[in-house]
Amino acid sequence: MFQAFADNLAGGIITTIVPLPVELTTFVGKWNNATTDLSCTTATEKNSSYFAVERSTGGETAFQAVG
């Protein structure tokens, strides 16, 4: 998880790959009573002020922030 993909797709091909300013060391998801608990640990963070968790139901559905 060291790269982020831009959402500007041209014919289904990702046109931009940008390195993330964060180096993840762990990323864990656990099912907990009909919800999912996510946790992560970073080794380094450069110029980052927050994290946003997003989801998409697939296909052409846009990603939406959920946490």
PDB file of N, CA and C in Angstrom:
ATOM      1  N   MET A   1       0.828  -1.180   0.000  1.00  0.00           N
ATOM      2  CA  MET A   1       0.000   0.000   0.000  1.00  0.00           C
ATOM      3  C   MET A   1       0.869   1.239   0.000  1.00  0.00           C
ATOM      4  N   PHE A   2       1.677   1.378  -0.988  1.00  0.00           N
ATOM      5  CA  PHE A   2       2.559   2.521  -1.054  1.00  0.00           C
ATOM      6  C   PHE A   2       2.213   3.439  -2.207  1.00  0.00           C
ATOM      7  N   GLN A   3       1.081   3.199  -2.883  1.00  0.00           N
ATOM      8  CA  GLN A   3       0.694   4.052  -4.000  1.00  0.00           C
ATOM      9  C   GLN A   3      -0.793   4.328  -3.946  1.00  0.00           C
ATOM     10  N   ALA A   4      -1.181   5.468  -4.485  1.00  0.00           N
ATOM     11  CA  ALA A   4      -2.597   5.813  -4.600  1.00  0.00           C
ATOM     12  C   ALA A   4      -2.906   5.997  -6.070  1.00  0.00           C
ATOM     13  N   PHE A   5      -4.096   5.642  -6.462  1.00  0.00           N
ATOM     14  CA  PHE A   5      -4.488   5.748  -7.852  1.00  0.00           C
ATOM     15  C   PHE A   5      -5.480   6.880  -8.029  1.00  0.00           C
ATOM     16  N   ALA A   6      -5.263   7.700  -9.010  1.00  0.00           N
ATOM     17  CA  ALA A   6      -6.207   8.774  -9.322  1.00  0.00           C
ATOM     18  C   ALA A   6      -7.465   8.174  -9.919  1.00  0.00           C
ATOM     19  N   ASP A   7      -8.587   8.879  -9.765  1.00  0.00           N
ATOM     20  CA  ASP A   7      -9.839   8.336 -10.274  1.00  0.00           C
ATOM     21  C   ASP A   7     -10.159   8.827 -11.681  1.00  0.00           C
ATOM     22  N   ASN A   8      -9.177   9.380 -12.385  1.00  0.00           N
ATOM     23  CA  ASN A   8      -9.404   9.802 -13.768  1.00  0.00           C
ATOM     24  C   ASN A   8      -9.043   8.646 -14.698  1.00  0.00           C
ATOM     25  N   LEU A   9     -10.042   7.883 -15.046  1.00  0.00           N
ATOM     26  CA  LEU A   9      -9.821   6.713 -15.884  1.00  0.00           C
ATOM     27  C   LEU A   9     -10.068   7.055 -17.346  1.00  0.00           C
ATOM     28  N   ALA A  10      -9.197   6.598 -18.204  1.00  0.00           N
ATOM     29  CA  ALA A  10      -9.356   6.801 -19.645  1.00  0.00           C
ATOM     30  C   ALA A  10      -9.492   5.426 -20.279  1.00  0.00           C
ATOM     31  N   GLY A  11     -10.704   5.060 -20.626  1.00  0.00           N
ATOM     32  CA  GLY A  11     -10.921   3.752 -21.224  1.00  0.00           C
ATOM     33  C   GLY A  11     -10.638   2.610 -20.275  1.00  0.00           C
ATOM     34  N   GLY A  12     -10.822   2.854 -18.953  1.00  0.00           N
ATOM     35  CA  GLY A  12     -10.593   1.813 -17.966  1.00  0.00           C
ATOM     36  C   GLY A  12      -9.146   1.657 -17.551  1.00  0.00           C
ATOM     37  N   ILE A  13      -8.264   2.521 -18.029  1.00  0.00           N
ATOM     38  CA  ILE A  13      -6.847   2.437 -17.681  1.00  0.00           C
ATOM     39  C   ILE A  13      -6.516   3.555 -16.700  1.00  0.00           C
ATOM     40  N   ILE A  14      -5.861   3.211 -15.620  1.00  0.00           N
ATOM     41  CA  ILE A  14      -5.454   4.216 -14.645  1.00  0.00           C
ATOM     42  C   ILE A  14      -4.345   5.056 -15.266  1.00  0.00           C
ATOM     43  N   THR A  15      -4.535   6.371 -15.236  1.00  0.00           N
ATOM     44  CA  THR A  15      -3.597   7.245 -15.931  1.00  0.00           C
ATOM     45  C   THR A  15      -2.587   7.915 -15.011  1.00  0.00           C
ATOM     46  N   THR A  16      -2.827   7.899 -13.687  1.00  0.00           N
ATOM     47  CA  THR A  16      -1.924   8.577 -12.772  1.00  0.00           C
ATOM     48  C   THR A  16      -1.637   7.684 -11.571  1.00  0.00           C
ATOM     49  N   ILE A  17      -0.375   7.515 -11.248  1.00  0.00           N
ATOM     50  CA  ILE A  17       0.018   6.804 -10.035  1.00  0.00           C
ATOM     51  C   ILE A  17       0.895   7.760  -9.233  1.00  0.00           C
ATOM     52  N   VAL A  18       0.484   8.008  -7.988  1.00  0.00           N
ATOM     53  CA  VAL A  18       1.172   8.978  -7.143  1.00  0.00           C
ATOM     54  C   VAL A  18       1.610   8.275  -5.863  1.00  0.00           C
ATOM     55  N   PRO A  19       2.863   8.390  -5.457  1.00  0.00           N
ATOM     56  CA  PRO A  19       3.303   7.768  -4.202  1.00  0.00           C
ATOM     57  C   PRO A  19       2.589   8.394  -3.008  1.00  0.00           C
ATOM     58  N   LEU A  20       2.222   7.561  -2.054  1.00  0.00           N
ATOM     59  CA  LEU A  20       1.615   8.079  -0.835  1.00  0.00           C
ATOM     60  C   LEU A  20       2.690   8.640   0.083  1.00  0.00           C
ATOM     61  N   PRO A  21       2.346   9.671   0.870  1.00  0.00           N
ATOM     62  CA  PRO A  21       3.323  10.223   1.812  1.00  0.00           C
ATOM     63  C   PRO A  21       3.348   9.441   3.125  1.00  0.00           C
ATOM     64  N   VAL A  22       2.803   8.221   3.118  1.00  0.00           N
ATOM     65  CA  VAL A  22       2.710   7.395   4.316  1.00  0.00           C
ATOM     66  C   VAL A  22       3.260   6.009   4.024  1.00  0.00           C
ATOM     67  N   GLU A  23       4.030   5.474   4.950  1.00  0.00           N
ATOM     68  CA  GLU A  23       4.528   4.103   4.824  1.00  0.00           C
ATOM     69  C   GLU A  23       3.827   3.255   5.889  1.00  0.00           C
ATOM     70  N   LEU A  24       2.895   2.400   5.450  1.00  0.00           N
ATOM     71  CA  LEU A  24       2.159   1.548   6.380  1.00  0.00           C
ATOM     72  C   LEU A  24       2.999   0.343   6.774  1.00  0.00           C
ATOM     73  N   THR A  25       2.976   0.007   8.073  1.00  0.00           N
ATOM     74  CA  THR A  25       3.640  -1.214   8.522  1.00  0.00           C
ATOM     75  C   THR A  25       2.622  -2.300   8.818  1.00  0.00           C
ATOM     76  N   THR A  26       1.419  -1.918   9.262  1.00  0.00           N
ATOM     77  CA  THR A  26       0.332  -2.879   9.440  1.00  0.00           C
ATOM     78  C   THR A  26      -0.985  -2.245   9.046  1.00  0.00           C
ATOM     79  N   PHE A  27      -1.889  -3.077   8.555  1.00  0.00           N
ATOM     80  CA  PHE A  27      -3.268  -2.662   8.266  1.00  0.00           C
ATOM     81  C   PHE A  27      -4.135  -3.872   8.529  1.00  0.00           C
ATOM     82  N   VAL A  28      -5.024  -3.770   9.519  1.00  0.00           N
ATOM     83  CA  VAL A  28      -5.806  -4.917   9.966  1.00  0.00           C
ATOM     84  C   VAL A  28      -7.288  -4.563   9.966  1.00  0.00           C
ATOM     85  N   GLY A  29      -8.103  -5.472   9.471  1.00  0.00           N
ATOM     86  CA  GLY A  29      -9.551  -5.340   9.544  1.00  0.00           C
ATOM     87  C   GLY A  29     -10.134  -6.535  10.266  1.00  0.00           C
ATOM     88  N   LYS A  30     -11.035  -6.276  11.235  1.00  0.00           N
ATOM     89  CA  LYS A  30     -11.668  -7.358  11.991  1.00  0.00           C
ATOM     90  C   LYS A  30     -13.175  -7.150  12.011  1.00  0.00           C
ATOM     91  N   TRP A  31     -13.922  -8.237  11.785  1.00  0.00           N
ATOM     92  CA  TRP A  31     -15.383  -8.211  11.858  1.00  0.00           C
ATOM     93  C   TRP A  31     -15.771  -8.187  13.327  1.00  0.00           C
ATOM     94  N   ASN A  32     -16.677  -7.250  13.708  1.00  0.00           N
ATOM     95  CA  ASN A  32     -17.040  -7.080  15.102  1.00  0.00           C
ATOM     96  C   ASN A  32     -18.517  -6.723  15.210  1.00  0.00           C
ATOM     97  N   ASN A  33     -19.374  -7.701  15.449  1.00  0.00           N
ATOM     98  CA  ASN A  33     -20.813  -7.469  15.650  1.00  0.00           C
ATOM     99  C   ASN A  33     -21.434  -6.630  14.537  1.00  0.00           C
ATOM    100  N   ALA A  34     -21.348  -7.098  13.314  1.00  0.00           N
ATOM    101  CA  ALA A  34     -21.958  -6.466  12.135  1.00  0.00           C
ATOM    102  C   ALA A  34     -21.275  -5.169  11.703  1.00  0.00           C
ATOM    103  N   THR A  35     -20.088  -4.890  12.220  1.00  0.00           N
ATOM    104  CA  THR A  35     -19.287  -3.760  11.757  1.00  0.00           C
ATOM    105  C   THR A  35     -17.857  -4.241  11.540  1.00  0.00           C
ATOM    106  N   THR A  36     -17.061  -3.429  10.928  1.00  0.00           N
ATOM    107  CA  THR A  36     -15.662  -3.761  10.716  1.00  0.00           C
ATOM    108  C   THR A  36     -14.788  -2.754  11.439  1.00  0.00           C
ATOM    109  N   ASP A  37     -13.884  -3.244  12.254  1.00  0.00           N
ATOM    110  CA  ASP A  37     -12.911  -2.393  12.940  1.00  0.00           C
ATOM    111  C   ASP A  37     -11.620  -2.406  12.128  1.00  0.00           C
ATOM    112  N   LEU A  38     -11.152  -1.236  11.743  1.00  0.00           N
ATOM    113  CA  LEU A  38      -9.899  -1.112  10.994  1.00  0.00           C
ATOM    114  C   LEU A  38      -8.861  -0.442  11.874  1.00  0.00           C
ATOM    115  N   SER A  39      -7.629  -0.915  11.783  1.00  0.00           N
ATOM    116  CA  SER A  39      -6.537  -0.255  12.487  1.00  0.00           C
ATOM    117  C   SER A  39      -5.284  -0.327  11.626  1.00  0.00           C
ATOM    118  N   CYS A  40      -4.426   0.660  11.787  1.00  0.00           N
ATOM    119  CA  CYS A  40      -3.180   0.664  11.025  1.00  0.00           C
ATOM    120  C   CYS A  40      -2.073   1.285  11.857  1.00  0.00           C
ATOM    121  N   THR A  41      -0.853   0.951  11.478  1.00  0.00           N
ATOM    122  CA  THR A  41       0.344   1.527  12.079  1.00  0.00           C
ATOM    123  C   THR A  41       1.215   2.034  10.949  1.00  0.00           C
ATOM    124  N   THR A  42       1.793   3.210  11.125  1.00  0.00           N
ATOM    125  CA  THR A  42       2.654   3.770  10.092  1.00  0.00           C
ATOM    126  C   THR A  42       4.093   3.840  10.580  1.00  0.00           C
ATOM    127  N   ALA A  43       5.019   3.653   9.649  1.00  0.00           N
ATOM    128  CA  ALA A  43       6.440   3.806   9.957  1.00  0.00           C
ATOM    129  C   ALA A  43       6.850   5.257   9.756  1.00  0.00           C
ATOM    130  N   THR A  44       6.311   5.882   8.705  1.00  0.00           N
ATOM    131  CA  THR A  44       6.599   7.290   8.434  1.00  0.00           C
ATOM    132  C   THR A  44       5.352   7.965   7.874  1.00  0.00           C
ATOM    133  N   GLU A  45       5.247   9.249   8.139  1.00  0.00           N
ATOM    134  CA  GLU A  45       4.188  10.082   7.571  1.00  0.00           C
ATOM    135  C   GLU A  45       4.815  11.415   7.188  1.00  0.00           C
ATOM    136  N   LYS A  46       4.590  11.836   5.963  1.00  0.00           N
ATOM    137  CA  LYS A  46       5.162  13.094   5.491  1.00  0.00           C
ATOM    138  C   LYS A  46       4.034  13.990   4.995  1.00  0.00           C
ATOM    139  N   ASN A  47       3.857  15.119   5.643  1.00  0.00           N
ATOM    140  CA  ASN A  47       2.852  16.110   5.253  1.00  0.00           C
ATOM    141  C   ASN A  47       1.436  15.532   5.216  1.00  0.00           C
ATOM    142  N   SER A  48       1.104  14.689   6.163  1.00  0.00           N
ATOM    143  CA  SER A  48      -0.263  14.158   6.219  1.00  0.00           C
ATOM    144  C   SER A  48      -0.923  14.654   7.503  1.00  0.00           C
ATOM    145  N   SER A  49      -2.193  15.050   7.391  1.00  0.00           N
ATOM    146  CA  SER A  49      -2.883  15.564   8.562  1.00  0.00           C
ATOM    147  C   SER A  49      -4.001  14.638   9.028  1.00  0.00           C
ATOM    148  N   TYR A  50      -4.488  13.740   8.164  1.00  0.00           N
ATOM    149  CA  TYR A  50      -5.545  12.820   8.563  1.00  0.00           C
ATOM    150  C   TYR A  50      -5.651  11.686   7.546  1.00  0.00           C
ATOM    151  N   PHE A  51      -6.419  10.668   7.921  1.00  0.00           N
ATOM    152  CA  PHE A  51      -6.706   9.559   7.027  1.00  0.00           C
ATOM    153  C   PHE A  51      -8.206   9.515   6.794  1.00  0.00           C
ATOM    154  N   ALA A  52      -8.611   9.157   5.611  1.00  0.00           N
ATOM    155  CA  ALA A  52     -10.031   8.983   5.299  1.00  0.00           C
ATOM    156  C   ALA A  52     -10.236   7.573   4.770  1.00  0.00           C
ATOM    157  N   VAL A  53     -11.204   6.879   5.330  1.00  0.00           N
ATOM    158  CA  VAL A  53     -11.554   5.543   4.853  1.00  0.00           C
ATOM    159  C   VAL A  53     -12.722   5.708   3.894  1.00  0.00           C
ATOM    160  N   GLU A  54     -12.574   5.176   2.694  1.00  0.00           N
ATOM    161  CA  GLU A  54     -13.618   5.287   1.679  1.00  0.00           C
ATOM    162  C   GLU A  54     -14.041   3.908   1.207  1.00  0.00           C
ATOM    163  N   ARG A  55     -15.260   3.832   0.671  1.00  0.00           N
ATOM    164  CA  ARG A  55     -15.725   2.564   0.117  1.00  0.00           C
ATOM    165  C   ARG A  55     -16.523   2.810  -1.149  1.00  0.00           C
ATOM    166  N   SER A  56     -16.626   1.776  -1.947  1.00  0.00           N
ATOM    167  CA  SER A  56     -17.429   1.785  -3.166  1.00  0.00           C
ATOM    168  C   SER A  56     -18.138   0.448  -3.244  1.00  0.00           C
ATOM    169  N   THR A  57     -19.353   0.459  -3.761  1.00  0.00           N
ATOM    170  CA  THR A  57     -20.085  -0.795  -3.901  1.00  0.00           C
ATOM    171  C   THR A  57     -19.726  -1.490  -5.202  1.00  0.00           C
ATOM    172  N   GLY A  58     -18.784  -0.911  -5.963  1.00  0.00           N
ATOM    173  CA  GLY A  58     -18.288  -1.563  -7.163  1.00  0.00           C
ATOM    174  C   GLY A  58     -18.805  -0.945  -8.442  1.00  0.00           C
ATOM    175  N   GLY A  59     -18.296  -1.460  -9.549  1.00  0.00           N
ATOM    176  CA  GLY A  59     -18.719  -0.956 -10.859  1.00  0.00           C
ATOM    177  C   GLY A  59     -18.388   0.509 -11.037  1.00  0.00           C
ATOM    178  N   GLU A  60     -19.361   1.256 -11.456  1.00  0.00           N
ATOM    179  CA  GLU A  60     -19.174   2.685 -11.718  1.00  0.00           C
ATOM    180  C   GLU A  60     -19.512   3.546 -10.502  1.00  0.00           C
ATOM    181  N   THR A  61     -19.756   2.929  -9.368  1.00  0.00           N
ATOM    182  CA  THR A  61     -20.116   3.659  -8.164  1.00  0.00           C
ATOM    183  C   THR A  61     -18.894   4.403  -7.619  1.00  0.00           C
ATOM    184  N   ALA A  62     -19.068   5.672  -7.323  1.00  0.00           N
ATOM    185  CA  ALA A  62     -17.971   6.488  -6.793  1.00  0.00           C
ATOM    186  C   ALA A  62     -17.647   6.086  -5.355  1.00  0.00           C
ATOM    187  N   PHE A  63     -16.421   6.339  -4.931  1.00  0.00           N
ATOM    188  CA  PHE A  63     -16.031   6.102  -3.554  1.00  0.00           C
ATOM    189  C   PHE A  63     -16.645   7.192  -2.663  1.00  0.00           C
ATOM    190  N   GLN A  64     -17.044   6.793  -1.447  1.00  0.00           N
ATOM    191  CA  GLN A  64     -17.604   7.720  -0.472  1.00  0.00           C
ATOM    192  C   GLN A  64     -16.886   7.521   0.854  1.00  0.00           C
ATOM    193  N   ALA A  65     -16.608   8.622   1.544  1.00  0.00           N
ATOM    194  CA  ALA A  65     -15.951   8.544   2.847  1.00  0.00           C
ATOM    195  C   ALA A  65     -16.889   7.893   3.853  1.00  0.00           C
ATOM    196  N   VAL A  66     -16.348   6.955   4.637  1.00  0.00           N
ATOM    197  CA  VAL A  66     -17.130   6.274   5.662  1.00  0.00           C
ATOM    198  C   VAL A  66     -16.488   6.406   7.041  1.00  0.00           C
ATOM    199  N   GLY A  67     -15.320   6.998   7.109  1.00  0.00           N
ATOM    200  CA  GLY A  67     -14.667   7.159   8.407  1.00  0.00           C
ATOM    201  C   GLY A  67     -13.315   7.768   8.271  1.00  0.00           C
TER     202      GLY A  67
END
